[in-house]
Amino acid sequence: MLHLGLGSFHRAHQAVYLQALHDSGDRRWTLAGANLRPDMADTIAALQSQGGAYTLETVSPAGEYRYARIASIREVIPYAPGQAAMVARGADPATRIVSFTVTEAGYYLDAAHRLDLGFDDLAADLARAARGEAGETIYGAVTAILRARMANSAGPLTLLNCDNLRHNGERFRAGLLEFIERLGDAPLLAWTKAHTTCPNAMVDRITPRPPPELRERVRRATGQDDAAPITGESFIQWVIEDDFIAGRPAWETVGVELVQSVQPYEEAKIRILNASHSCIAWAGTLLGLQFIHEGTLTPAIRQMAHDYVTEDVIPCLTREGASPVDLPRYRDVVLERFSNPAIRDTNQRVSADGFSKIPGFIAPTVRERLAAGAAIGSVAMLPALFLAFLQRWHQGTLPYAYQDQGMDPAVAHAICAAADPVAALCADAGLWGQLAGDARLVSAVRRASDRVALFLAQHGH
């Protein structure tokens, strides 16, 4: 397997499942890892010096710390212009799966799920691909691998998403095929359609950025001076549609759920976990809190997240019958996980990419509740919190730098500076699609914004 994106999440998730297979005696599969961009140079260098191995610290909600050595990444491929080594690894017949971790905004999809060529790096990658070069977006990188693979007659390949986008395999496949189509490369398009599969998958493990003190904590606990340790919660989950064209590890023997359809698991995770996470991060930031657990342990914030799930999400997810997920229990487990003080996950990390998270995590619940003629008072709190958060960004009073790949800063400033910011936010088609400007949405978010203002006043902000 070649994984693109050697960040903390991959190393706390997919690499851990493969390590469990190795520990069971099944060593038929190994991982190579590469990065699409020249970031994380220190981490990549540390991993190289350690032969790809590192220490994973996990912490349970009860405060139990455990340490494990993860050595399933056998090859670390540093970024280099042209990405020749990455492409060669992906084009090797021995490579059967290319997996990747991409942020929601890293798909460059518009509201109609088509490629948005307004992004400079996507346009630059199309130009690179037209010259036969590898790119720095997921489409530009994978296209280069597939091109080399076709030329080498290297055989079929599974392309496996490991991220939070809903229907991620289908969405990625549509974007990839459109990218290749725009190149006018008909043979590659036909080859890709015939020789690749893109299973949908759902991944879950809270993995904060490694804090500076982690290295010393690992040294004290294990005796090893690890220059690339990571930390995460004890909870872990991976659900994958079993659609692999060139074989796969026996993941089902180490706890991975291989299913026919990932959709009910995906919907539960995205709407309950991901959206609640953002809700807590935005609300916590507004109160001047630094960490997710601080917000979750604030009764008013916890209640917002609980009400959002109970009153608006669960009715959507049980509309067509029972879910295979025990939704009330899942809600409670998620809030318990978020309350874990040892994780020290920051509001800064979780608050990012709101302009991708509202259409991906929140708008579907709004749309389905309105279609059913139901009230949206609880879910409307989330965009209202985001608007209050965005106003702080607009005023330059956020306590940290806000990162949002899906945001056009000029558009965001215009929303905040509008005579009616609620109406401006609700009119944004990128956020709401066909719901943009809907009077019921505007009215609900306006009432929710009044509740947010009251919440802030009650807490001295």
Protein backbone atom coordinates (compact mmCIF):
# COMPACT_ATOMS: atom_id res chain seq x y z
CA MET A 1 0.00 0.00 0.00
CA LEU A 2 1.13 3.51 -0.81
CA HIS A 3 -0.44 6.16 1.42
CA LEU A 4 -0.42 9.82 0.41
CA GLY A 5 -0.39 12.07 3.48
CA LEU A 6 1.93 11.07 6.33
CA GLY A 7 0.19 13.22 8.91
CA SER A 8 -0.80 12.20 12.42
CA PHE A 9 -4.16 10.75 11.43
CA HIS A 10 -2.81 8.17 9.01
CA ARG A 11 -0.12 7.15 11.49
CA ALA A 12 -2.72 6.78 14.29
CA HIS A 13 -5.23 4.91 12.14
CA GLN A 14 -4.47 2.94 8.95
CA ALA A 15 -0.87 2.25 9.96
CA VAL A 16 -2.10 0.98 13.34
CA TYR A 17 -4.51 -1.51 11.78
CA LEU A 18 -1.70 -2.84 9.57
CA GLN A 19 0.56 -3.08 12.63
CA ALA A 20 -2.14 -5.19 14.32
CA LEU A 21 -2.05 -7.54 11.31
CA HIS A 22 1.74 -7.76 11.54
CA ASP A 23 1.47 -8.48 15.27
CA SER A 24 -0.95 -11.34 14.48
CA GLY A 25 1.67 -12.87 12.17
CA ASP A 26 0.20 -11.69 8.85
CA ARG A 27 3.01 -9.69 7.22
CA ARG A 28 1.93 -9.94 3.58
CA TRP A 29 1.21 -6.21 3.27
CA THR A 30 3.39 -3.22 4.15
CA LEU A 31 3.00 0.52 3.83
CA ALA A 32 4.95 3.13 1.93
CA GLY A 33 4.14 6.74 2.75
CA ALA A 34 4.58 9.98 0.83
CA ASN A 35 3.47 13.61 1.08
CA LEU A 36 1.99 15.62 -1.78
CA ARG A 37 3.47 18.92 -0.59
CA PRO A 38 6.77 20.09 0.86
CA ASP A 39 5.41 20.46 4.39
CA MET A 40 6.16 18.43 7.54
CA ALA A 41 9.82 18.23 6.50
CA ASP A 42 11.01 17.71 10.11
CA THR A 43 8.53 14.89 10.73
CA ILE A 44 9.40 13.18 7.44
CA ALA A 45 13.13 13.43 8.22
CA ALA A 46 12.54 12.01 11.71
CA LEU A 47 10.52 9.10 10.31
CA GLN A 48 13.24 8.39 7.75
CA SER A 49 15.91 8.35 10.44
CA GLN A 50 13.76 5.90 12.46
CA GLY A 51 13.10 3.58 9.51
CA GLY A 52 9.45 4.65 9.40
CA ALA A 53 8.80 3.53 12.99
CA TYR A 54 7.35 5.75 15.75
CA THR A 55 5.48 5.60 19.05
CA LEU A 56 1.72 5.98 19.36
CA GLU A 57 0.36 7.18 22.70
CA THR A 58 -3.33 6.52 23.30
CA VAL A 59 -5.45 7.87 26.14
CA SER A 60 -8.85 6.55 27.23
CA PRO A 61 -11.60 8.79 28.63
CA ALA A 62 -10.73 7.24 32.02
CA GLY A 63 -7.17 8.57 31.68
CA GLU A 64 -5.35 5.30 30.92
CA TYR A 65 -2.20 5.91 28.87
CA ARG A 66 -0.79 3.21 26.58
CA TYR A 67 2.23 3.23 24.29
CA ALA A 68 2.77 1.13 21.17
CA ARG A 69 5.58 0.99 18.64
CA ILE A 70 4.19 1.23 15.09
CA ALA A 71 6.54 -0.15 12.42
CA SER A 72 4.16 -0.94 9.54
CA ILE A 73 5.42 1.98 7.41
CA ARG A 74 8.47 0.38 5.80
CA GLU A 75 9.26 3.12 3.28
CA VAL A 76 9.12 6.90 3.76
CA ILE A 77 9.22 8.87 0.51
CA PRO A 78 10.10 12.54 1.09
CA TYR A 79 8.58 15.22 -1.10
CA ALA A 80 10.72 16.20 -4.08
CA PRO A 81 9.78 18.37 -7.08
CA GLY A 82 8.40 16.09 -9.78
CA GLN A 83 7.59 13.36 -7.21
CA ALA A 84 9.47 10.71 -9.24
CA ALA A 85 9.90 8.34 -6.27
CA MET A 86 6.22 8.58 -5.27
CA VAL A 87 5.07 7.91 -8.84
CA ALA A 88 7.49 4.99 -9.18
CA ARG A 89 6.20 3.39 -5.99
CA GLY A 90 2.58 3.87 -7.10
CA ALA A 91 3.36 2.44 -10.56
CA ASP A 92 5.13 -0.65 -9.19
CA PRO A 93 3.07 -3.84 -9.87
CA ALA A 94 3.65 -4.80 -6.22
CA THR A 95 1.58 -1.76 -5.13
CA ARG A 96 -2.07 -2.83 -5.03
CA ILE A 97 -3.69 -0.03 -3.03
CA VAL A 98 -3.06 3.73 -3.06
CA SER A 99 -4.77 5.33 -0.07
CA PHE A 100 -4.89 8.98 0.93
CA THR A 101 -6.05 11.39 3.60
CA VAL A 102 -7.47 14.62 2.17
CA THR A 103 -9.29 17.48 3.90
CA GLU A 104 -12.82 18.21 2.69
CA ALA A 105 -11.54 21.26 0.80
CA GLY A 106 -8.80 19.18 -0.84
CA TYR A 107 -11.34 17.70 -3.25
CA TYR A 108 -11.90 21.09 -4.95
CA LEU A 109 -15.56 20.28 -5.63
CA ASP A 110 -18.28 22.88 -6.12
CA ALA A 111 -21.89 22.62 -4.90
CA ALA A 112 -22.74 20.43 -7.91
CA HIS A 113 -19.81 18.10 -7.06
CA ARG A 114 -17.86 19.20 -10.15
CA LEU A 115 -14.25 20.34 -10.05
CA ASP A 116 -13.94 24.01 -9.10
CA LEU A 117 -11.21 25.38 -11.36
CA GLY A 118 -11.30 28.68 -9.50
CA PHE A 119 -8.66 27.15 -7.20
CA ASP A 120 -5.19 28.11 -8.43
CA ASP A 121 -3.50 24.89 -7.30
CA LEU A 122 -6.06 22.73 -9.14
CA ALA A 123 -5.64 24.78 -12.33
CA ALA A 124 -1.85 24.55 -11.92
CA ASP A 125 -2.11 20.76 -11.58
CA LEU A 126 -4.12 20.48 -14.79
CA ALA A 127 -1.35 22.41 -16.54
CA ARG A 128 1.29 20.14 -14.97
CA ALA A 129 -0.62 17.00 -15.96
CA ALA A 130 -0.94 18.29 -19.52
CA ARG A 131 2.88 18.44 -19.58
CA GLY A 132 3.09 14.91 -18.21
CA GLU A 133 4.18 16.00 -14.71
CA ALA A 134 2.94 14.90 -11.29
CA GLY A 135 0.93 17.44 -9.33
CA GLU A 136 0.41 18.49 -5.71
CA THR A 137 -3.36 17.96 -5.51
CA ILE A 138 -4.73 14.47 -5.01
CA TYR A 139 -5.95 14.43 -8.64
CA GLY A 140 -2.61 15.54 -10.06
CA ALA A 141 -0.71 12.98 -7.98
CA VAL A 142 -3.00 10.03 -8.69
CA THR A 143 -3.21 10.87 -12.40
CA ALA A 144 0.58 10.69 -12.65
CA ILE A 145 0.59 7.32 -10.86
CA LEU A 146 -2.14 5.90 -13.11
CA ARG A 147 -0.42 7.16 -16.24
CA ALA A 148 2.84 5.43 -15.24
CA ARG A 149 0.94 2.33 -14.18
CA MET A 150 -0.82 2.07 -17.53
CA ALA A 151 2.49 2.55 -19.37
CA ASN A 152 4.11 -0.18 -17.23
CA SER A 153 1.15 -2.60 -17.63
CA ALA A 154 1.32 -2.76 -13.83
CA GLY A 155 -2.23 -4.01 -13.31
CA PRO A 156 -5.32 -2.76 -11.50
CA LEU A 157 -5.30 -0.55 -8.42
CA THR A 158 -7.68 0.28 -5.59
CA LEU A 159 -7.84 3.98 -4.68
CA LEU A 160 -8.90 4.20 -1.04
CA ASN A 161 -10.10 7.38 0.70
CA CYS A 162 -9.35 7.75 4.42
CA ASP A 163 -11.12 10.99 5.33
CA ASN A 164 -14.38 12.66 6.34
CA LEU A 165 -16.00 13.49 3.00
CA ARG A 166 -19.42 11.91 2.58
CA HIS A 167 -19.48 9.29 -0.25
CA ASN A 168 -15.74 9.90 -0.44
CA GLY A 169 -14.89 7.11 -2.89
CA GLU A 170 -17.64 8.11 -5.32
CA ARG A 171 -16.84 11.81 -5.07
CA PHE A 172 -13.13 11.25 -5.54
CA ARG A 173 -13.73 8.98 -8.52
CA ALA A 174 -15.99 11.54 -10.20
CA GLY A 175 -13.40 14.30 -9.62
CA LEU A 176 -10.55 12.12 -10.87
CA LEU A 177 -12.38 11.09 -14.05
CA GLU A 178 -13.34 14.72 -14.71
CA PHE A 179 -9.70 15.77 -14.20
CA ILE A 180 -8.49 13.16 -16.71
CA GLU A 181 -11.29 14.07 -19.11
CA ARG A 182 -10.22 17.72 -19.01
CA LEU A 183 -6.75 16.59 -20.07
CA GLY A 184 -8.26 15.04 -23.18
CA ASP A 185 -6.45 11.75 -22.41
CA ALA A 186 -9.03 9.25 -23.68
CA PRO A 187 -6.81 6.13 -23.31
CA LEU A 188 -6.02 6.97 -19.66
CA LEU A 189 -9.68 7.69 -18.96
CA ALA A 190 -10.73 4.30 -20.35
CA TRP A 191 -7.91 2.52 -18.50
CA THR A 192 -8.83 4.20 -15.20
CA LYS A 193 -12.49 3.26 -15.54
CA ALA A 194 -11.59 -0.38 -16.21
CA HIS A 195 -8.66 -0.88 -13.83
CA THR A 196 -9.47 1.03 -10.63
CA THR A 197 -12.05 0.89 -7.86
CA CYS A 198 -12.75 3.58 -5.25
CA PRO A 199 -14.56 2.14 -2.21
CA ASN A 200 -16.38 4.52 0.10
CA ALA A 201 -14.94 4.42 3.62
CA MET A 202 -15.51 5.94 7.04
CA VAL A 203 -12.62 6.57 9.44
CA ASP A 204 -12.65 7.72 13.05
CA ARG A 205 -10.05 8.47 15.71
CA ILE A 206 -9.45 11.84 17.32
CA THR A 207 -5.81 12.65 16.66
CA PRO A 208 -4.67 16.09 17.85
CA ARG A 209 -1.49 17.72 16.69
CA PRO A 210 1.36 16.27 18.79
CA PRO A 211 2.07 18.73 21.63
CA PRO A 212 5.68 19.80 22.30
CA GLU A 213 5.81 17.84 25.57
CA LEU A 214 4.85 14.52 23.93
CA ARG A 215 8.41 13.54 23.07
CA GLU A 216 9.49 13.80 26.72
CA ARG A 217 6.36 11.95 27.92
CA VAL A 218 7.10 9.09 25.50
CA ARG A 219 10.76 9.01 26.60
CA ARG A 220 9.76 8.76 30.25
CA ALA A 221 7.17 6.04 29.59
CA THR A 222 9.11 3.90 27.11
CA GLY A 223 12.77 4.86 27.41
CA GLN A 224 12.83 5.73 23.70
CA ASP A 225 13.73 9.17 22.40
CA ASP A 226 11.25 9.29 19.53
CA ALA A 227 11.45 12.35 17.25
CA ALA A 228 8.09 11.62 15.57
CA PRO A 229 5.64 10.42 18.26
CA ILE A 230 1.89 10.90 17.94
CA THR A 231 -1.00 10.87 20.39
CA GLY A 232 -4.66 10.00 20.03
CA GLU A 233 -7.71 8.73 21.85
CA SER A 234 -8.13 5.02 22.57
CA PHE A 235 -11.27 4.80 20.37
CA ILE A 236 -10.71 3.71 16.76
CA GLN A 237 -13.06 2.74 13.93
CA TRP A 238 -12.79 1.99 10.20
CA VAL A 239 -15.69 0.95 7.97
CA ILE A 240 -14.96 0.17 4.30
CA GLU A 241 -17.05 -1.02 1.38
CA ASP A 242 -15.49 -4.30 0.28
CA ASP A 243 -14.72 -3.28 -3.31
CA PHE A 244 -11.01 -3.97 -3.85
CA ILE A 245 -9.88 -4.73 -7.41
CA ALA A 246 -6.38 -6.05 -6.62
CA GLY A 247 -6.66 -7.70 -3.21
CA ARG A 248 -6.50 -6.24 0.27
CA PRO A 249 -5.16 -6.99 3.75
CA ALA A 250 -7.31 -9.24 5.97
CA TRP A 251 -8.42 -6.19 7.93
CA GLU A 252 -11.59 -7.89 9.15
CA THR A 253 -9.38 -9.99 11.47
CA VAL A 254 -8.22 -6.85 13.34
CA GLY A 255 -11.52 -5.02 13.80
CA VAL A 256 -12.15 -3.25 10.50
CA GLU A 257 -15.80 -3.45 9.41
CA LEU A 258 -16.02 -4.53 5.74
CA VAL A 259 -19.57 -3.77 4.58
CA GLN A 260 -21.73 -3.56 1.45
CA SER A 261 -22.65 0.07 2.07
CA VAL A 262 -20.83 2.48 4.35
CA GLN A 263 -23.59 5.10 4.11
CA PRO A 264 -25.41 4.67 7.47
CA TYR A 265 -22.10 4.61 9.37
CA GLU A 266 -20.80 7.58 7.40
CA GLU A 267 -23.93 9.65 7.96
CA ALA A 268 -23.89 8.95 11.70
CA LYS A 269 -20.23 9.87 11.99
CA ILE A 270 -20.32 12.99 9.84
CA ARG A 271 -23.51 14.43 11.29
CA ILE A 272 -23.05 13.39 14.92
CA LEU A 273 -19.30 13.42 15.49
CA ASN A 274 -17.90 15.83 12.91
CA ALA A 275 -20.65 18.44 13.09
CA SER A 276 -20.79 18.34 16.91
CA HIS A 277 -17.00 18.69 17.00
CA SER A 278 -17.24 21.90 14.95
CA CYS A 279 -20.12 23.17 17.10
CA ILE A 280 -18.05 22.72 20.26
CA ALA A 281 -14.91 24.25 18.70
CA TRP A 282 -16.73 27.38 17.48
CA ALA A 283 -18.63 27.82 20.77
CA GLY A 284 -15.54 27.16 22.88
CA THR A 285 -13.49 29.68 20.90
CA LEU A 286 -16.19 32.30 21.45
CA LEU A 287 -15.86 31.75 25.22
CA GLY A 288 -12.07 32.07 25.07
CA LEU A 289 -11.41 28.36 25.65
CA GLN A 290 -8.43 26.61 24.06
CA PHE A 291 -9.34 22.92 24.11
CA ILE A 292 -12.28 20.79 22.94
CA HIS A 293 -12.69 19.08 26.32
CA GLU A 294 -13.14 22.47 28.03
CA GLY A 295 -16.07 23.29 25.75
CA THR A 296 -17.61 19.83 26.06
CA LEU A 297 -17.45 20.10 29.86
CA THR A 298 -19.23 23.49 29.70
CA PRO A 299 -22.90 22.51 30.30
CA ALA A 300 -24.41 25.05 27.88
CA ILE A 301 -22.12 23.96 25.02
CA ARG A 302 -22.61 20.26 25.70
CA GLN A 303 -26.39 20.85 25.70
CA MET A 304 -26.21 22.57 22.28
CA ALA A 305 -24.43 19.55 20.79
CA HIS A 306 -26.76 17.08 22.54
CA ASP A 307 -29.91 18.92 21.38
CA TYR A 308 -28.61 19.24 17.82
CA VAL A 309 -28.14 15.46 17.57
CA THR A 310 -31.28 14.46 19.47
CA GLU A 311 -33.76 16.89 17.96
CA ASP A 312 -32.55 17.17 14.36
CA VAL A 313 -30.01 14.48 13.40
CA ILE A 314 -31.54 11.31 14.86
CA PRO A 315 -34.93 11.97 13.19
CA CYS A 316 -33.13 12.34 9.83
CA LEU A 317 -31.09 9.14 10.25
CA THR A 318 -34.12 7.06 11.27
CA ARG A 319 -36.50 8.50 8.66
CA GLU A 320 -36.36 5.35 6.53
CA GLY A 321 -36.21 2.84 9.39
CA ALA A 322 -33.71 1.74 12.00
CA SER A 323 -30.02 2.54 11.60
CA PRO A 324 -27.39 -0.20 12.11
CA VAL A 325 -25.80 2.33 14.49
CA ASP A 326 -27.29 2.79 17.98
CA LEU A 327 -27.58 6.55 17.50
CA PRO A 328 -28.37 7.72 21.08
CA ARG A 329 -25.49 5.59 22.39
CA TYR A 330 -23.19 6.85 19.64
CA ARG A 331 -24.09 10.46 20.58
CA ASP A 332 -23.22 9.79 24.23
CA VAL A 333 -19.96 7.99 23.37
CA VAL A 334 -18.93 10.90 21.12
CA LEU A 335 -19.55 13.45 23.87
CA GLU A 336 -17.62 11.28 26.33
CA ARG A 337 -14.71 11.12 23.85
CA PHE A 338 -14.77 14.89 23.40
CA SER A 339 -14.69 15.31 27.21
CA ASN A 340 -11.34 13.49 27.50
CA PRO A 341 -8.99 16.11 29.06
CA ALA A 342 -5.88 14.08 28.19
CA ILE A 343 -6.42 14.45 24.43
CA ARG A 344 -6.00 18.25 24.59
CA ASP A 345 -7.40 18.64 21.09
CA THR A 346 -7.47 22.33 20.22
CA ASN A 347 -10.37 24.48 19.10
CA GLN A 348 -8.00 25.90 16.51
CA ARG A 349 -7.57 22.51 14.79
CA VAL A 350 -11.25 21.52 14.91
CA SER A 351 -12.69 24.93 13.97
CA ALA A 352 -10.84 24.94 10.61
CA ASP A 353 -12.50 24.69 7.19
CA GLY A 354 -15.97 25.91 8.15
CA PHE A 355 -16.74 26.80 4.53
CA SER A 356 -16.38 23.11 3.66
CA LYS A 357 -17.93 21.75 6.86
CA ILE A 358 -21.24 23.62 6.66
CA PRO A 359 -22.17 22.20 3.23
CA GLY A 360 -20.72 18.79 4.09
CA PHE A 361 -21.71 18.22 7.70
CA ILE A 362 -24.61 20.56 8.50
CA ALA A 363 -26.62 21.59 5.42
CA PRO A 364 -27.90 18.04 4.70
CA THR A 365 -29.67 17.93 8.08
CA VAL A 366 -31.16 21.38 7.50
CA ARG A 367 -32.36 20.34 4.04
CA GLU A 368 -33.95 17.07 5.20
CA ARG A 369 -35.68 18.62 8.22
CA LEU A 370 -37.14 21.42 6.10
CA ALA A 371 -38.27 18.92 3.46
CA ALA A 372 -40.12 17.04 6.20
CA GLY A 373 -41.79 20.27 7.34
CA ALA A 374 -39.94 20.07 10.67
CA ALA A 375 -38.38 22.81 12.79
CA ILE A 376 -34.60 23.38 12.56
CA GLY A 377 -34.04 25.30 15.78
CA SER A 378 -31.26 23.06 17.13
CA VAL A 379 -29.27 22.55 13.92
CA ALA A 380 -29.54 26.30 13.15
CA MET A 381 -27.35 26.92 16.22
CA LEU A 382 -24.34 25.58 14.30
CA PRO A 383 -24.29 28.12 11.44
CA ALA A 384 -25.18 30.82 14.00
CA LEU A 385 -22.11 29.87 16.05
CA PHE A 386 -19.99 29.81 12.91
CA LEU A 387 -21.20 33.29 11.94
CA ALA A 388 -20.30 34.66 15.39
CA PHE A 389 -16.91 32.92 15.07
CA LEU A 390 -16.43 34.36 11.57
CA GLN A 391 -17.24 37.84 12.85
CA ARG A 392 -14.35 37.52 15.31
CA TRP A 393 -12.08 36.48 12.41
CA HIS A 394 -13.37 39.47 10.38
CA GLN A 395 -12.59 41.82 13.27
CA GLY A 396 -9.15 40.30 13.81
CA THR A 397 -10.01 39.22 17.37
CA LEU A 398 -9.70 35.43 17.09
CA PRO A 399 -7.02 34.15 19.49
CA TYR A 400 -5.39 32.09 16.71
CA ALA A 401 -4.90 31.97 12.95
CA TYR A 402 -7.97 30.54 11.22
CA GLN A 403 -7.31 28.14 8.34
CA ASP A 404 -10.03 27.46 5.78
CA GLN A 405 -9.09 26.05 2.38
CA GLY A 406 -12.68 26.39 1.16
CA MET A 407 -13.04 30.06 2.09
CA ASP A 408 -12.71 33.01 -0.25
CA PRO A 409 -11.60 35.67 2.28
CA ALA A 410 -13.21 38.48 0.27
CA VAL A 411 -16.56 36.65 0.32
CA ALA A 412 -16.25 35.92 4.05
CA HIS A 413 -15.40 39.56 4.87
CA ALA A 414 -18.36 40.70 2.74
CA ILE A 415 -20.74 38.40 4.67
CA CYS A 416 -19.53 39.83 7.97
CA ALA A 417 -19.63 43.44 6.76
CA ALA A 418 -23.14 43.15 5.26
CA ALA A 419 -26.00 45.18 6.70
CA ASP A 420 -27.64 41.84 7.57
CA PRO A 421 -24.86 39.25 8.13
CA VAL A 422 -27.36 36.44 8.88
CA ALA A 423 -29.12 36.94 5.54
CA ALA A 424 -25.75 37.21 3.77
CA LEU A 425 -24.50 33.95 5.32
CA CYS A 426 -27.75 32.16 4.45
CA ALA A 427 -27.64 33.50 0.87
CA ASP A 428 -24.23 31.95 0.13
CA ALA A 429 -24.80 29.22 -2.48
CA GLY A 430 -21.42 27.63 -1.74
CA LEU A 431 -22.58 26.95 1.81
CA TRP A 432 -26.22 26.06 1.19
CA GLY A 433 -26.71 25.08 -2.45
CA GLN A 434 -30.39 25.26 -3.41
CA LEU A 435 -31.33 26.26 0.14
CA ALA A 436 -29.46 29.57 -0.23
CA GLY A 437 -31.74 32.45 0.68
CA ASP A 438 -34.57 30.17 1.90
CA ALA A 439 -36.74 32.28 4.23
CA ARG A 440 -37.11 29.37 6.71
CA LEU A 441 -33.32 29.04 6.95
CA VAL A 442 -32.83 32.79 7.41
CA SER A 443 -35.50 32.94 10.10
CA ALA A 444 -34.10 29.95 12.02
CA VAL A 445 -30.50 31.20 11.90
CA ARG A 446 -31.64 34.67 12.97
CA ARG A 447 -33.36 33.22 16.06
CA ALA A 448 -30.32 31.01 16.71
CA SER A 449 -28.03 34.04 16.46
CA ASP A 450 -30.09 35.74 19.18
CA ARG A 451 -29.59 32.62 21.33
CA VAL A 452 -25.85 32.70 20.65
CA ALA A 453 -25.73 36.37 21.71
CA LEU A 454 -27.61 35.48 24.93
CA PHE A 455 -25.27 32.51 25.54
CA LEU A 456 -22.22 34.80 25.19
CA ALA A 457 -23.74 37.44 27.47
CA GLN A 458 -24.51 34.82 30.13
CA HIS A 459 -20.90 33.65 30.04
CA GLY A 460 -19.44 37.15 30.22
CA HIS A 461 -18.55 37.50 26.54
